[in-house]
Amino acid sequence: MDLGIKGRRALVCASSKGLGRGCAMALAAEGVHVTLTARGAAALTETANEIRRANPGIEVTEVAGDIATPEGRAAALAACPEPDILVNNAGGPPPGDFRDWNRDDWIKALDANMLTPIELIKATVDGMIARKFGRIVNITSAAVKAPIDVLGLSNGARAGLTGFVAGIARKTVRHNVTINGLLPGPFNTDRIRKVAAGQAQATGASIEDIMTKRARENPAGRFGDPEEFGAACAFLCSTKAGFITGQNILLDGGAYPGTL
C-alpha cells in the first residue's frame, strides 16, 4: 500500500531507541524526511546513520537535547519548523509507590508526558491546518486504558494528555489534521527492562525471570517488536487515515481484556 506521504516532513521525538526509533524508521521507509530528537547524542547519530543507509535520498536531521525542556523543544522546532507529521514521545517516569512521590516528581512527569506534547501540538497544528494536511501521533501507554499500579506518574500524566486531545482532535480533522494516540503494551524496549528491574529489586526475583514470565502471560506469548509499532504509526500518518482522529489504539498483544 502506498501511504501517500512521500516527501512529507516529520518530527519524531525521542527517536534514537525503542518505539520512537521504530516510528522514525517506518516513516523514512515511506519516503518521509525525518527530524530525530533524543537526549543521547551517540545513540541518536547511530540511528540517524542507519536510516540514511537504508533510505538514500531521505533527509535525516538529528537534534540532540531533551524534548521535555523549553530549550530542547526550541531546538527541535528550529530544525523542523513546519512538520507535516509530529510524533510525540518521551521517556516514561519511573515506577514506584505514590507515597514516595513529591510535587517535583509529579511536575517532572507532567512536563514530559503531558505538557511537552501539548506545547509541540500548539507550535505546529496551525501550520498543518493552513496547509490542509497534518498527522499528530502521541505515543502514550496501555496504562491509559488499564492503569498499572506501580506506574502512577505515567498513568496520571498520559491520561491528562489523552483527555486534552479528545477535545481538539474533533476540531482539527475538518482541516485534514488528525490527532491520535498509540498505546503500547509490553514491547521489547529499554522501558520494559527498567520496569522489570524495579520489580526485581522489590521481589528478589531476577530480571530475566520477570521478563520471561511477563512475555508468557501476554495472550500473544511474546513482547511486541518496535518495528510493528512503527508500521502502525506510519499508517496513522498516511493519507489513508484521514478519517481516524481522537482515537486511542492499543498495541498490546490482546492483554487488555475489555470489549471497548
Protein backbone atom coordinates (compact mmCIF):
# COMPACT_ATOMS: atom_id res chain seq x y z
CA MET A 1 0.00 0.00 0.00
CA ASP A 2 1.27 3.45 -0.93
CA LEU A 3 0.68 5.56 2.18
CA GLY A 4 0.84 8.77 0.17
CA ILE A 5 3.31 10.61 2.42
CA LYS A 6 6.48 10.52 0.34
CA GLY A 7 8.23 13.87 0.57
CA ARG A 8 6.43 14.92 3.75
CA ARG A 9 8.39 16.09 6.78
CA ALA A 10 8.17 14.54 10.22
CA LEU A 11 9.41 15.49 13.67
CA VAL A 12 9.80 12.30 15.70
CA CYS A 13 10.58 12.84 19.36
CA ALA A 14 12.73 10.53 21.50
CA SER A 15 13.56 8.52 18.42
CA SER A 16 17.06 7.16 18.97
CA LYS A 17 15.77 3.94 20.53
CA GLY A 18 12.68 1.88 21.14
CA LEU A 19 9.26 2.86 19.85
CA GLY A 20 10.30 6.31 18.64
CA ARG A 21 13.06 4.73 16.60
CA GLY A 22 10.58 2.25 15.13
CA CYS A 23 8.32 5.12 14.08
CA ALA A 24 11.16 7.12 12.51
CA MET A 25 12.39 4.13 10.53
CA ALA A 26 8.90 3.28 9.27
CA LEU A 27 8.23 6.85 8.16
CA ALA A 28 11.59 7.11 6.42
CA ALA A 29 10.86 3.87 4.57
CA GLU A 30 7.76 5.62 3.17
CA GLY A 31 9.88 8.47 1.82
CA VAL A 32 9.29 10.91 4.67
CA HIS A 33 12.11 13.31 5.61
CA VAL A 34 12.65 12.89 9.34
CA THR A 35 13.99 15.04 12.14
CA LEU A 36 15.02 12.94 15.11
CA THR A 37 15.40 14.06 18.71
CA ALA A 38 16.93 12.33 21.72
CA ARG A 39 18.97 13.13 24.81
CA GLY A 40 21.76 10.69 23.95
CA ALA A 41 23.79 12.06 21.05
CA ALA A 42 25.68 8.82 20.33
CA ALA A 43 22.58 6.63 20.01
CA LEU A 44 20.86 9.38 18.02
CA THR A 45 23.68 9.53 15.49
CA GLU A 46 23.73 5.75 15.18
CA THR A 47 20.01 5.63 14.42
CA ALA A 48 20.21 8.56 12.01
CA ASN A 49 23.03 6.91 10.07
CA GLU A 50 21.13 3.64 9.91
CA ILE A 51 18.13 5.43 8.43
CA ARG A 52 20.35 7.21 5.90
CA ARG A 53 21.91 3.94 4.79
CA ALA A 54 18.54 2.26 4.39
CA ASN A 55 16.87 5.20 2.64
CA PRO A 56 19.20 7.08 0.28
CA GLY A 57 17.78 10.44 -0.68
CA ILE A 58 15.86 10.93 2.55
CA GLU A 59 16.81 13.97 4.60
CA VAL A 60 17.63 12.94 8.16
CA THR A 61 18.27 15.65 10.74
CA GLU A 62 19.50 15.00 14.28
CA VAL A 63 18.75 17.23 17.22
CA ALA A 64 20.36 16.17 20.49
CA GLY A 65 18.53 17.52 23.51
CA ASP A 66 15.76 16.92 26.00
CA ILE A 67 12.40 17.45 24.31
CA ALA A 68 10.82 17.88 27.76
CA THR A 69 12.63 21.21 28.20
CA PRO A 70 11.88 24.55 26.52
CA GLU A 71 15.41 24.56 25.07
CA GLY A 72 15.01 21.07 23.65
CA ARG A 73 11.69 21.91 22.04
CA ALA A 74 13.04 25.14 20.59
CA ALA A 75 15.98 23.32 19.01
CA ALA A 76 13.73 20.63 17.53
CA LEU A 77 11.31 23.17 16.07
CA ALA A 78 14.17 25.25 14.68
CA ALA A 79 15.35 22.16 12.78
CA CYS A 80 11.83 21.23 11.65
CA PRO A 81 9.65 24.35 11.89
CA GLU A 82 6.80 23.14 9.67
CA PRO A 83 6.36 19.40 10.10
CA ASP A 84 3.54 17.64 8.31
CA ILE A 85 3.82 14.84 10.85
CA LEU A 86 4.50 15.10 14.58
CA VAL A 87 5.19 12.02 16.68
CA ASN A 88 5.15 12.96 20.35
CA ASN A 89 7.18 10.69 22.57
CA ALA A 90 9.21 10.98 25.75
CA GLY A 91 10.68 8.61 28.26
CA GLY A 92 8.19 7.48 30.88
CA PRO A 93 8.59 8.41 34.54
CA PRO A 94 9.98 5.82 36.94
CA PRO A 95 7.81 3.23 38.67
CA GLY A 96 7.24 3.35 42.38
CA ASP A 97 4.84 3.91 45.26
CA PHE A 98 2.79 7.11 45.18
CA ARG A 99 3.59 7.66 48.85
CA ASP A 100 7.19 8.32 47.89
CA TRP A 101 6.49 10.91 45.19
CA ASN A 102 6.61 14.62 45.90
CA ARG A 103 5.42 17.60 43.91
CA ASP A 104 8.64 17.79 41.91
CA ASP A 105 8.19 14.16 40.80
CA TRP A 106 4.68 14.92 39.56
CA ILE A 107 5.69 18.12 37.78
CA LYS A 108 8.53 16.30 36.00
CA ALA A 109 6.14 13.57 34.85
CA LEU A 110 3.57 16.11 33.66
CA ASP A 111 6.20 18.16 31.86
CA ALA A 112 7.48 15.17 29.90
CA ASN A 113 4.32 13.21 29.20
CA MET A 114 1.54 15.79 29.07
CA LEU A 115 2.71 19.39 28.77
CA THR A 116 5.52 18.79 26.25
CA PRO A 117 3.20 17.12 23.70
CA ILE A 118 0.69 19.92 24.19
CA GLU A 119 3.38 22.56 23.62
CA LEU A 120 4.51 20.82 20.42
CA ILE A 121 0.95 20.48 19.18
CA LYS A 122 0.39 24.19 19.86
CA ALA A 123 3.55 25.08 17.95
CA THR A 124 2.71 23.02 14.86
CA VAL A 125 -1.02 22.45 14.46
CA ASP A 126 -1.94 25.83 12.97
CA GLY A 127 0.63 25.40 10.21
CA MET A 128 -0.79 21.96 9.48
CA ILE A 129 -4.29 23.44 9.31
CA ALA A 130 -3.12 26.14 6.91
CA ARG A 131 -1.51 23.54 4.64
CA LYS A 132 -4.56 21.24 4.90
CA PHE A 133 -2.54 18.25 5.99
CA GLY A 134 -1.30 17.12 9.35
CA ARG A 135 -0.86 13.94 11.32
CA ILE A 136 -0.11 14.01 15.04
CA VAL A 137 0.52 10.77 16.88
CA ASN A 138 1.02 10.72 20.63
CA ILE A 139 2.83 7.68 21.97
CA THR A 140 1.25 7.16 25.37
CA SER A 141 0.72 3.83 27.13
CA ALA A 142 -1.69 0.94 27.52
CA ALA A 143 -1.93 2.21 31.10
CA VAL A 144 -4.31 4.88 29.78
CA LYS A 145 -6.86 2.07 29.32
CA ALA A 146 -5.75 -0.19 32.16
CA PRO A 147 -3.69 1.65 34.79
CA ILE A 148 -0.66 -0.12 36.23
CA ASP A 149 -0.33 0.48 39.97
CA VAL A 150 3.44 0.99 40.04
CA LEU A 151 3.26 3.45 37.13
CA GLY A 152 1.10 6.06 38.80
CA LEU A 153 3.10 9.00 37.49
CA SER A 154 2.69 7.72 33.95
CA ASN A 155 -0.98 6.84 34.47
CA GLY A 156 -1.81 10.37 35.55
CA ALA A 157 0.24 12.33 33.04
CA ARG A 158 -0.73 10.29 30.00
CA ALA A 159 -4.40 10.23 30.93
CA GLY A 160 -4.28 14.01 31.17
CA LEU A 161 -2.85 14.28 27.65
CA THR A 162 -5.49 11.87 26.37
CA GLY A 163 -8.29 13.98 27.81
CA PHE A 164 -6.87 17.15 26.28
CA VAL A 165 -6.52 15.58 22.83
CA ALA A 166 -10.07 14.23 22.92
CA GLY A 167 -11.33 17.79 22.62
CA ILE A 168 -9.10 19.34 19.98
CA ALA A 169 -8.94 16.29 17.67
CA ARG A 170 -12.58 16.87 16.75
CA LYS A 171 -11.82 20.44 15.70
CA THR A 172 -8.74 19.85 13.57
CA VAL A 173 -9.99 16.93 11.47
CA ARG A 174 -12.14 19.24 9.34
CA HIS A 175 -8.84 20.62 8.02
CA ASN A 176 -7.34 17.16 7.33
CA VAL A 177 -5.32 17.29 10.54
CA THR A 178 -5.74 14.22 12.73
CA ILE A 179 -4.57 13.61 16.29
CA ASN A 180 -4.45 10.09 17.69
CA GLY A 181 -2.83 8.11 20.44
CA LEU A 182 -0.90 4.88 20.11
CA LEU A 183 -0.99 2.93 23.36
CA PRO A 184 1.83 0.40 23.62
CA GLY A 185 1.60 -2.58 25.89
CA PRO A 186 4.68 -4.72 26.54
CA PHE A 187 7.22 -4.03 23.82
CA ASN A 188 10.82 -5.20 23.81
CA THR A 189 12.39 -1.87 24.75
CA ASP A 190 14.61 -0.39 27.44
CA ARG A 191 11.49 0.86 29.20
CA ILE A 192 10.11 -2.59 29.93
CA ARG A 193 13.50 -3.73 31.18
CA LYS A 194 13.65 -0.78 33.60
CA VAL A 195 10.24 -1.67 34.98
CA ALA A 196 11.34 -5.29 35.33
CA ALA A 197 14.45 -4.15 37.17
CA GLY A 198 12.29 -2.28 39.66
CA GLN A 199 10.11 -5.33 40.19
CA ALA A 200 13.19 -7.50 40.61
CA GLN A 201 14.52 -5.21 43.30
CA ALA A 202 11.18 -5.25 45.12
CA THR A 203 10.58 -9.00 44.91
CA GLY A 204 14.05 -10.55 44.83
CA ALA A 205 13.34 -12.32 41.54
CA SER A 206 15.75 -11.99 38.62
CA ILE A 207 15.09 -9.56 35.80
CA GLU A 208 15.27 -12.46 33.33
CA ASP A 209 12.60 -14.43 35.20
CA ILE A 210 10.30 -11.43 35.38
CA MET A 211 10.73 -10.71 31.67
CA THR A 212 10.12 -14.32 30.70
CA LYS A 213 7.05 -14.60 32.90
CA ARG A 214 5.56 -11.37 31.61
CA ALA A 215 6.07 -12.37 27.97
CA ARG A 216 4.42 -15.73 28.54
CA GLU A 217 1.45 -14.16 30.29
CA ASN A 218 0.63 -11.99 27.29
CA PRO A 219 -2.02 -13.58 25.02
CA ALA A 220 0.47 -13.33 22.15
CA GLY A 221 3.06 -15.21 24.20
CA ARG A 222 5.69 -12.58 23.49
CA PHE A 223 6.61 -8.92 23.64
CA GLY A 224 5.87 -6.60 20.77
CA ASP A 225 8.52 -5.58 18.25
CA PRO A 226 9.15 -1.84 17.81
CA GLU A 227 9.01 -2.42 14.06
CA GLU A 228 5.35 -3.45 14.43
CA PHE A 229 4.66 -0.30 16.38
CA GLY A 230 6.37 1.83 13.73
CA ALA A 231 4.22 0.32 10.99
CA ALA A 232 1.05 1.24 12.90
CA CYS A 233 2.34 4.77 13.37
CA ALA A 234 3.16 5.14 9.68
CA PHE A 235 -0.37 4.11 8.73
CA LEU A 236 -1.91 6.65 11.11
CA CYS A 237 0.30 9.28 9.49
CA SER A 238 -0.81 8.32 5.99
CA THR A 239 -3.30 9.86 3.61
CA LYS A 240 -5.36 6.69 4.10
CA ALA A 241 -6.05 7.54 7.76
CA GLY A 242 -7.71 10.92 7.37
CA PHE A 243 -11.00 9.67 8.86
CA ILE A 244 -9.34 8.46 12.07
CA THR A 245 -9.00 11.09 14.79
CA GLY A 246 -9.30 11.32 18.55
CA GLN A 247 -8.69 7.59 18.87
CA ASN A 248 -6.50 5.66 21.28
CA ILE A 249 -5.30 2.49 19.66
CA LEU A 250 -3.95 -0.33 21.79
CA LEU A 251 -1.00 -2.38 20.63
CA ASP A 252 -0.72 -4.86 23.46
CA GLY A 253 -0.98 -8.39 22.06
CA GLY A 254 -4.53 -8.67 23.40
CA ALA A 255 -3.59 -8.05 27.03
CA TYR A 256 -6.45 -5.64 27.69
CA PRO A 257 -9.43 -7.91 28.45
CA GLY A 258 -12.29 -5.48 27.77
CA THR A 259 -14.60 -5.29 24.79
CA LEU A 260 -14.34 -1.49 24.47
